[in-house]
Each structure stands twice: as C-alpha cells, then as structure tokens.
Amino acid sequence: DYQLSVEDGKTSALKKLYACRCGSGACRGTML
C-alpha cells in the first residue's frame, strides 16, 4: 500500500493523478 503523502494537501487534481484501480474489494480509490 503506497500510502503516498503530499505536502500541499489533497487537491482534486492530485486525487485524480493518484487514483487507485487495484480492483480490491477494499479499494479506497486512491494511492494517497
């Protein structure tokens, strides 16, 4: 689980850039 951290806050652009498509039933939709 990458659990990436960003310093400037989670903008919608960052959420889109780091979207998760792992397909897990527990997918939270982000690598952040």
PDB file of all heavy atoms in Angstrom:
ATOM      1  N   ASP A   1       0.880  -1.166   0.000  1.00  0.00           N
ATOM      2  CA  ASP A   1       0.000   0.000   0.000  1.00  0.00           C
ATOM      3  C   ASP A   1       0.916   1.213   0.000  1.00  0.00           C
ATOM      4  O   ASP A   1       1.602   1.481   0.986  1.00  0.00           O
ATOM      5  CB  ASP A   1      -0.899  -0.020   1.237  1.00  0.00           C
ATOM      6  CG  ASP A   1      -1.922   1.097   1.228  1.00  0.00           C
ATOM      7  OD1 ASP A   1      -1.779   2.054   0.435  1.00  0.00           O
ATOM      8  OD2 ASP A   1      -2.864   1.015   2.038  1.00  0.00           O
ATOM      9  N   TYR A   2       0.965   1.932  -1.108  1.00  0.00           N
ATOM     10  CA  TYR A   2       1.911   3.041  -1.238  1.00  0.00           C
ATOM     11  C   TYR A   2       1.714   4.105  -0.160  1.00  0.00           C
ATOM     12  O   TYR A   2       2.668   4.696   0.310  1.00  0.00           O
ATOM     13  CB  TYR A   2       1.790   3.711  -2.603  1.00  0.00           C
ATOM     14  CG  TYR A   2       2.330   2.915  -3.765  1.00  0.00           C
ATOM     15  CD1 TYR A   2       2.146   3.373  -5.063  1.00  0.00           C
ATOM     16  CD2 TYR A   2       3.024   1.725  -3.600  1.00  0.00           C
ATOM     17  CE1 TYR A   2       2.629   2.671  -6.151  1.00  0.00           C
ATOM     18  CE2 TYR A   2       3.508   1.016  -4.679  1.00  0.00           C
ATOM     19  CZ  TYR A   2       3.300   1.496  -5.964  1.00  0.00           C
ATOM     20  OH  TYR A   2       3.777   0.802  -7.037  1.00  0.00           O
ATOM     21  N   GLN A   3       0.484   4.418   0.207  1.00  0.00           N
ATOM     22  CA  GLN A   3       0.200   5.446   1.215  1.00  0.00           C
ATOM     23  C   GLN A   3       1.042   6.702   0.975  1.00  0.00           C
ATOM     24  O   GLN A   3       1.743   7.183   1.858  1.00  0.00           O
ATOM     25  CB  GLN A   3       0.412   4.902   2.626  1.00  0.00           C
ATOM     26  CG  GLN A   3      -0.517   3.760   2.956  1.00  0.00           C
ATOM     27  CD  GLN A   3      -0.428   3.335   4.395  1.00  0.00           C
ATOM     28  OE1 GLN A   3      -0.341   4.168   5.289  1.00  0.00           O
ATOM     29  NE2 GLN A   3      -0.455   2.037   4.627  1.00  0.00           N
ATOM     30  N   LEU A   4       0.964   7.209  -0.234  1.00  0.00           N
ATOM     31  CA  LEU A   4       1.740   8.383  -0.618  1.00  0.00           C
ATOM     32  C   LEU A   4       1.284   9.599   0.178  1.00  0.00           C
ATOM     33  O   LEU A   4       0.103   9.778   0.444  1.00  0.00           O
ATOM     34  CB  LEU A   4       1.564   8.660  -2.111  1.00  0.00           C
ATOM     35  CG  LEU A   4       1.976   7.519  -3.042  1.00  0.00           C
ATOM     36  CD1 LEU A   4       1.583   7.843  -4.479  1.00  0.00           C
ATOM     37  CD2 LEU A   4       3.460   7.247  -2.941  1.00  0.00           C
ATOM     38  N   SER A   5       2.236  10.441   0.555  1.00  0.00           N
ATOM     39  CA  SER A   5       1.894  11.670   1.272  1.00  0.00           C
ATOM     40  C   SER A   5       2.239  12.869   0.398  1.00  0.00           C
ATOM     41  O   SER A   5       3.191  12.836  -0.380  1.00  0.00           O
ATOM     42  CB  SER A   5       2.635  11.744   2.606  1.00  0.00           C
ATOM     43  OG  SER A   5       4.026  11.722   2.397  1.00  0.00           O
ATOM     44  N   VAL A   6       1.425  13.882   0.510  1.00  0.00           N
ATOM     45  CA  VAL A   6       1.643  15.124  -0.236  1.00  0.00           C
ATOM     46  C   VAL A   6       1.658  16.269   0.767  1.00  0.00           C
ATOM     47  O   VAL A   6       0.913  16.259   1.743  1.00  0.00           O
ATOM     48  CB  VAL A   6       0.565  15.342  -1.320  1.00  0.00           C
ATOM     49  CG1 VAL A   6       0.707  14.326  -2.430  1.00  0.00           C
ATOM     50  CG2 VAL A   6      -0.828  15.289  -0.738  1.00  0.00           C
ATOM     51  N   GLU A   7       2.491  17.243   0.517  1.00  0.00           N
ATOM     52  CA  GLU A   7       2.649  18.351   1.458  1.00  0.00           C
ATOM     53  C   GLU A   7       1.625  19.458   1.257  1.00  0.00           C
ATOM     54  O   GLU A   7       1.265  20.149   2.196  1.00  0.00           O
ATOM     55  CB  GLU A   7       4.060  18.930   1.359  1.00  0.00           C
ATOM     56  CG  GLU A   7       5.119  17.952   1.837  1.00  0.00           C
ATOM     57  CD  GLU A   7       6.508  18.547   1.818  1.00  0.00           C
ATOM     58  OE1 GLU A   7       6.635  19.776   1.848  1.00  0.00           O
ATOM     59  OE2 GLU A   7       7.469  17.765   1.791  1.00  0.00           O
ATOM     60  N   ASP A   8       1.147  19.629   0.034  1.00  0.00           N
ATOM     61  CA  ASP A   8       0.278  20.768  -0.262  1.00  0.00           C
ATOM     62  C   ASP A   8      -1.204  20.449  -0.150  1.00  0.00           C
ATOM     63  O   ASP A   8      -2.029  21.202  -0.624  1.00  0.00           O
ATOM     64  CB  ASP A   8       0.584  21.296  -1.671  1.00  0.00           C
ATOM     65  CG  ASP A   8       1.996  21.844  -1.769  1.00  0.00           C
ATOM     66  OD1 ASP A   8       2.522  22.307  -0.741  1.00  0.00           O
ATOM     67  OD2 ASP A   8       2.567  21.805  -2.872  1.00  0.00           O
ATOM     68  N   GLY A   9      -1.553  19.340   0.464  1.00  0.00           N
ATOM     69  CA  GLY A   9      -2.961  18.977   0.585  1.00  0.00           C
ATOM     70  C   GLY A   9      -3.429  18.169  -0.613  1.00  0.00           C
ATOM     71  O   GLY A   9      -2.826  18.181  -1.681  1.00  0.00           O
ATOM     72  N   LYS A  10      -4.515  17.477  -0.411  1.00  0.00           N
ATOM     73  CA  LYS A  10      -5.047  16.590  -1.448  1.00  0.00           C
ATOM     74  C   LYS A  10      -6.053  17.341  -2.321  1.00  0.00           C
ATOM     75  O   LYS A  10      -7.227  17.417  -2.006  1.00  0.00           O
ATOM     76  CB  LYS A  10      -5.705  15.368  -0.813  1.00  0.00           C
ATOM     77  CG  LYS A  10      -4.743  14.502  -0.056  1.00  0.00           C
ATOM     78  CD  LYS A  10      -5.471  13.351   0.589  1.00  0.00           C
ATOM     79  CE  LYS A  10      -4.538  12.570   1.485  1.00  0.00           C
ATOM     80  NZ  LYS A  10      -5.232  11.584   2.267  1.00  0.00           N
ATOM     81  N   THR A  11      -5.563  17.884  -3.408  1.00  0.00           N
ATOM     82  CA  THR A  11      -6.440  18.571  -4.353  1.00  0.00           C
ATOM     83  C   THR A  11      -7.126  17.538  -5.232  1.00  0.00           C
ATOM     84  O   THR A  11      -6.703  16.376  -5.304  1.00  0.00           O
ATOM     85  CB  THR A  11      -5.633  19.531  -5.243  1.00  0.00           C
ATOM     86  OG1 THR A  11      -4.727  18.752  -6.047  1.00  0.00           O
ATOM     87  CG2 THR A  11      -4.848  20.548  -4.414  1.00  0.00           C
ATOM     88  N   SER A  12      -8.175  17.954  -5.916  1.00  0.00           N
ATOM     89  CA  SER A  12      -8.867  17.025  -6.813  1.00  0.00           C
ATOM     90  C   SER A  12      -7.936  16.573  -7.943  1.00  0.00           C
ATOM     91  O   SER A  12      -8.013  15.433  -8.391  1.00  0.00           O
ATOM     92  CB  SER A  12     -10.149  17.642  -7.367  1.00  0.00           C
ATOM     93  OG  SER A  12      -9.865  18.834  -8.064  1.00  0.00           O
ATOM     94  N   ALA A  13      -7.023  17.448  -8.369  1.00  0.00           N
ATOM     95  CA  ALA A  13      -6.066  17.067  -9.419  1.00  0.00           C
ATOM     96  C   ALA A  13      -5.122  15.970  -8.925  1.00  0.00           C
ATOM     97  O   ALA A  13      -4.825  15.025  -9.649  1.00  0.00           O
ATOM     98  CB  ALA A  13      -5.270  18.291  -9.878  1.00  0.00           C
ATOM     99  N   LEU A  14      -4.646  16.089  -7.668  1.00  0.00           N
ATOM    100  CA  LEU A  14      -3.766  15.066  -7.100  1.00  0.00           C
ATOM    101  C   LEU A  14      -4.515  13.754  -6.894  1.00  0.00           C
ATOM    102  O   LEU A  14      -3.986  12.684  -7.140  1.00  0.00           O
ATOM    103  CB  LEU A  14      -3.169  15.529  -5.779  1.00  0.00           C
ATOM    104  CG  LEU A  14      -1.936  16.405  -5.871  1.00  0.00           C
ATOM    105  CD1 LEU A  14      -1.505  16.866  -4.488  1.00  0.00           C
ATOM    106  CD2 LEU A  14      -0.803  15.668  -6.550  1.00  0.00           C
ATOM    107  N   LYS A  15      -5.763  13.852  -6.431  1.00  0.00           N
ATOM    108  CA  LYS A  15      -6.561  12.645  -6.243  1.00  0.00           C
ATOM    109  C   LYS A  15      -6.758  11.924  -7.570  1.00  0.00           C
ATOM    110  O   LYS A  15      -6.708  10.696  -7.631  1.00  0.00           O
ATOM    111  CB  LYS A  15      -7.900  12.986  -5.612  1.00  0.00           C
ATOM    112  CG  LYS A  15      -7.786  13.372  -4.157  1.00  0.00           C
ATOM    113  CD  LYS A  15      -9.140  13.739  -3.586  1.00  0.00           C
ATOM    114  CE  LYS A  15      -9.020  14.220  -2.160  1.00  0.00           C
ATOM    115  NZ  LYS A  15     -10.296  14.640  -1.613  1.00  0.00           N
ATOM    116  N   LYS A  16      -6.951  12.688  -8.633  1.00  0.00           N
ATOM    117  CA  LYS A  16      -7.112  12.083  -9.966  1.00  0.00           C
ATOM    118  C   LYS A  16      -5.789  11.472 -10.428  1.00  0.00           C
ATOM    119  O   LYS A  16      -5.764  10.368 -10.973  1.00  0.00           O
ATOM    120  CB  LYS A  16      -7.599  13.132 -10.962  1.00  0.00           C
ATOM    121  CG  LYS A  16      -7.907  12.583 -12.322  1.00  0.00           C
ATOM    122  CD  LYS A  16      -8.495  13.648 -13.229  1.00  0.00           C
ATOM    123  CE  LYS A  16      -8.812  13.058 -14.590  1.00  0.00           C
ATOM    124  NZ  LYS A  16      -9.386  14.059 -15.495  1.00  0.00           N
ATOM    125  N   LEU A  17      -4.689  12.184 -10.207  1.00  0.00           N
ATOM    126  CA  LEU A  17      -3.369  11.705 -10.618  1.00  0.00           C
ATOM    127  C   LEU A  17      -3.005  10.403  -9.911  1.00  0.00           C
ATOM    128  O   LEU A  17      -2.410   9.513 -10.500  1.00  0.00           O
ATOM    129  CB  LEU A  17      -2.306  12.773 -10.328  1.00  0.00           C
ATOM    130  CG  LEU A  17      -0.867  12.432 -10.685  1.00  0.00           C
ATOM    131  CD1 LEU A  17      -0.712  12.259 -12.193  1.00  0.00           C
ATOM    132  CD2 LEU A  17       0.066  13.522 -10.184  1.00  0.00           C
ATOM    133  N   TYR A  18      -3.363  10.299  -8.622  1.00  0.00           N
ATOM    134  CA  TYR A  18      -3.020   9.126  -7.822  1.00  0.00           C
ATOM    135  C   TYR A  18      -4.227   8.230  -7.557  1.00  0.00           C
ATOM    136  O   TYR A  18      -4.315   7.573  -6.525  1.00  0.00           O
ATOM    137  CB  TYR A  18      -2.368   9.556  -6.507  1.00  0.00           C
ATOM    138  CG  TYR A  18      -1.028  10.211  -6.720  1.00  0.00           C
ATOM    139  CD1 TYR A  18      -0.851  11.570  -6.518  1.00  0.00           C
ATOM    140  CD2 TYR A  18       0.056   9.466  -7.171  1.00  0.00           C
ATOM    141  CE1 TYR A  18       0.376  12.173  -6.732  1.00  0.00           C
ATOM    142  CE2 TYR A  18       1.284  10.057  -7.395  1.00  0.00           C
ATOM    143  CZ  TYR A  18       1.440  11.409  -7.166  1.00  0.00           C
ATOM    144  OH  TYR A  18       2.654  11.997  -7.393  1.00  0.00           O
ATOM    145  N   ALA A  19      -5.139   8.174  -8.520  1.00  0.00           N
ATOM    146  CA  ALA A  19      -6.315   7.302  -8.394  1.00  0.00           C
ATOM    147  C   ALA A  19      -5.858   5.844  -8.365  1.00  0.00           C
ATOM    148  O   ALA A  19      -4.904   5.454  -9.031  1.00  0.00           O
ATOM    149  CB  ALA A  19      -7.259   7.530  -9.558  1.00  0.00           C
ATOM    150  N   CYS A  20      -6.546   5.045  -7.557  1.00  0.00           N
ATOM    151  CA  CYS A  20      -6.229   3.613  -7.457  1.00  0.00           C
ATOM    152  C   CYS A  20      -7.253   2.815  -8.244  1.00  0.00           C
ATOM    153  O   CYS A  20      -8.450   3.067  -8.168  1.00  0.00           O
ATOM    154  CB  CYS A  20      -6.246   3.171  -6.000  1.00  0.00           C
ATOM    155  SG  CYS A  20      -5.942   1.397  -5.824  1.00  0.00           S
ATOM    156  N   ARG A  21      -6.761   1.864  -8.971  1.00  0.00           N
ATOM    157  CA  ARG A  21      -7.618   0.963  -9.741  1.00  0.00           C
ATOM    158  C   ARG A  21      -7.215  -0.487  -9.465  1.00  0.00           C
ATOM    159  O   ARG A  21      -7.190  -1.322 -10.352  1.00  0.00           O
ATOM    160  CB  ARG A  21      -7.501   1.277 -11.224  1.00  0.00           C
ATOM    161  CG  ARG A  21      -7.994   2.677 -11.567  1.00  0.00           C
ATOM    162  CD  ARG A  21      -7.733   3.032 -13.022  1.00  0.00           C
ATOM    163  NE  ARG A  21      -8.037   4.428 -13.275  1.00  0.00           N
ATOM    164  CZ  ARG A  21      -7.195   5.440 -13.091  1.00  0.00           C
ATOM    165  NH1 ARG A  21      -5.987   5.218 -12.640  1.00  0.00           N
ATOM    166  NH2 ARG A  21      -7.555   6.674 -13.345  1.00  0.00           N
ATOM    167  N   CYS A  22      -6.905  -0.767  -8.191  1.00  0.00           N
ATOM    168  CA  CYS A  22      -6.380  -2.091  -7.844  1.00  0.00           C
ATOM    169  C   CYS A  22      -7.439  -3.185  -7.951  1.00  0.00           C
ATOM    170  O   CYS A  22      -7.105  -4.357  -8.081  1.00  0.00           O
ATOM    171  CB  CYS A  22      -5.759  -2.081  -6.446  1.00  0.00           C
ATOM    172  SG  CYS A  22      -6.920  -1.963  -5.072  1.00  0.00           S
ATOM    173  N   GLY A  23      -8.708  -2.822  -7.890  1.00  0.00           N
ATOM    174  CA  GLY A  23      -9.757  -3.815  -8.022  1.00  0.00           C
ATOM    175  C   GLY A  23     -10.079  -4.573  -6.747  1.00  0.00           C
ATOM    176  O   GLY A  23     -10.941  -5.446  -6.742  1.00  0.00           O
ATOM    177  N   SER A  24      -9.416  -4.249  -5.662  1.00  0.00           N
ATOM    178  CA  SER A  24      -9.675  -4.906  -4.384  1.00  0.00           C
ATOM    179  C   SER A  24     -11.067  -4.532  -3.881  1.00  0.00           C
ATOM    180  O   SER A  24     -11.534  -3.409  -4.099  1.00  0.00           O
ATOM    181  CB  SER A  24      -8.624  -4.446  -3.364  1.00  0.00           C
ATOM    182  OG  SER A  24      -9.035  -4.715  -2.054  1.00  0.00           O
ATOM    183  N   GLY A  25     -11.711  -5.453  -3.195  1.00  0.00           N
ATOM    184  CA  GLY A  25     -12.996  -5.151  -2.587  1.00  0.00           C
ATOM    185  C   GLY A  25     -12.889  -4.063  -1.542  1.00  0.00           C
ATOM    186  O   GLY A  25     -13.876  -3.405  -1.206  1.00  0.00           O
ATOM    187  N   ALA A  26     -11.688  -3.841  -1.009  1.00  0.00           N
ATOM    188  CA  ALA A  26     -11.445  -2.810   0.000  1.00  0.00           C
ATOM    189  C   ALA A  26     -10.767  -1.576  -0.600  1.00  0.00           C
ATOM    190  O   ALA A  26     -10.229  -0.751   0.136  1.00  0.00           O
ATOM    191  CB  ALA A  26     -10.575  -3.386   1.120  1.00  0.00           C
ATOM    192  N   CYS A  27     -10.807  -1.447  -1.925  1.00  0.00           N
ATOM    193  CA  CYS A  27     -10.136  -0.311  -2.585  1.00  0.00           C
ATOM    194  C   CYS A  27     -10.718   1.000  -2.091  1.00  0.00           C
ATOM    195  O   CYS A  27     -11.921   1.201  -2.072  1.00  0.00           O
ATOM    196  CB  CYS A  27     -10.281  -0.419  -4.098  1.00  0.00           C
ATOM    197  SG  CYS A  27      -9.432   0.909  -4.986  1.00  0.00           S
ATOM    198  N   ARG A  28      -9.831   1.924  -1.686  1.00  0.00           N
ATOM    199  CA  ARG A  28     -10.267   3.236  -1.203  1.00  0.00           C
ATOM    200  C   ARG A  28     -10.233   4.281  -2.311  1.00  0.00           C
ATOM    201  O   ARG A  28     -10.526   5.446  -2.091  1.00  0.00           O
ATOM    202  CB  ARG A  28      -9.453   3.660   0.010  1.00  0.00           C
ATOM    203  CG  ARG A  28      -7.992   3.854  -0.225  1.00  0.00           C
ATOM    204  CD  ARG A  28      -7.278   4.252   1.080  1.00  0.00           C
ATOM    205  NE  ARG A  28      -5.892   4.503   0.814  1.00  0.00           N
ATOM    206  CZ  ARG A  28      -4.952   3.570   0.831  1.00  0.00           C
ATOM    207  NH1 ARG A  28      -5.260   2.336   1.130  1.00  0.00           N
ATOM    208  NH2 ARG A  28      -3.702   3.890   0.561  1.00  0.00           N
ATOM    209  N   GLY A  29      -9.817   3.877  -3.522  1.00  0.00           N
ATOM    210  CA  GLY A  29      -9.854   4.765  -4.675  1.00  0.00           C
ATOM    211  C   GLY A  29      -8.674   5.685  -4.843  1.00  0.00           C
ATOM    212  O   GLY A  29      -8.640   6.487  -5.760  1.00  0.00           O
ATOM    213  N   THR A  30      -7.671   5.569  -3.974  1.00  0.00           N
ATOM    214  CA  THR A  30      -6.502   6.442  -4.060  1.00  0.00           C
ATOM    215  C   THR A  30      -5.261   5.718  -3.544  1.00  0.00           C
ATOM    216  O   THR A  30      -5.362   4.852  -2.682  1.00  0.00           O
ATOM    217  CB  THR A  30      -6.719   7.750  -3.273  1.00  0.00           C
ATOM    218  OG1 THR A  30      -5.575   8.590  -3.448  1.00  0.00           O
ATOM    219  CG2 THR A  30      -6.935   7.506  -1.793  1.00  0.00           C
ATOM    220  N   MET A  31      -4.112   6.092  -4.100  1.00  0.00           N
ATOM    221  CA  MET A  31      -2.837   5.592  -3.590  1.00  0.00           C
ATOM    222  C   MET A  31      -2.288   6.516  -2.513  1.00  0.00           C
ATOM    223  O   MET A  31      -1.264   6.249  -1.914  1.00  0.00           O
ATOM    224  CB  MET A  31      -1.823   5.456  -4.727  1.00  0.00           C
ATOM    225  CG  MET A  31      -2.171   4.358  -5.708  1.00  0.00           C
ATOM    226  SD  MET A  31      -0.920   4.129  -6.978  1.00  0.00           S
ATOM    227  CE  MET A  31      -1.360   5.426  -8.120  1.00  0.00           C
ATOM    228  N   LEU A  32      -2.998   7.641  -2.250  1.00  0.00           N
ATOM    229  CA  LEU A  32      -2.577   8.585  -1.216  1.00  0.00           C
ATOM    230  C   LEU A  32      -2.889   8.028   0.157  1.00  0.00           C
ATOM    231  O   LEU A  32      -3.819   7.238   0.325  1.00  0.00           O
ATOM    232  CB  LEU A  32      -3.293   9.922  -1.422  1.00  0.00           C
ATOM    233  CG  LEU A  32      -2.972  10.657  -2.725  1.00  0.00           C
ATOM    234  CD1 LEU A  32      -3.904  11.850  -2.888  1.00  0.00           C
ATOM    235  CD2 LEU A  32      -1.527  11.085  -2.763  1.00  0.00           C
TER     236      LEU A  32
END
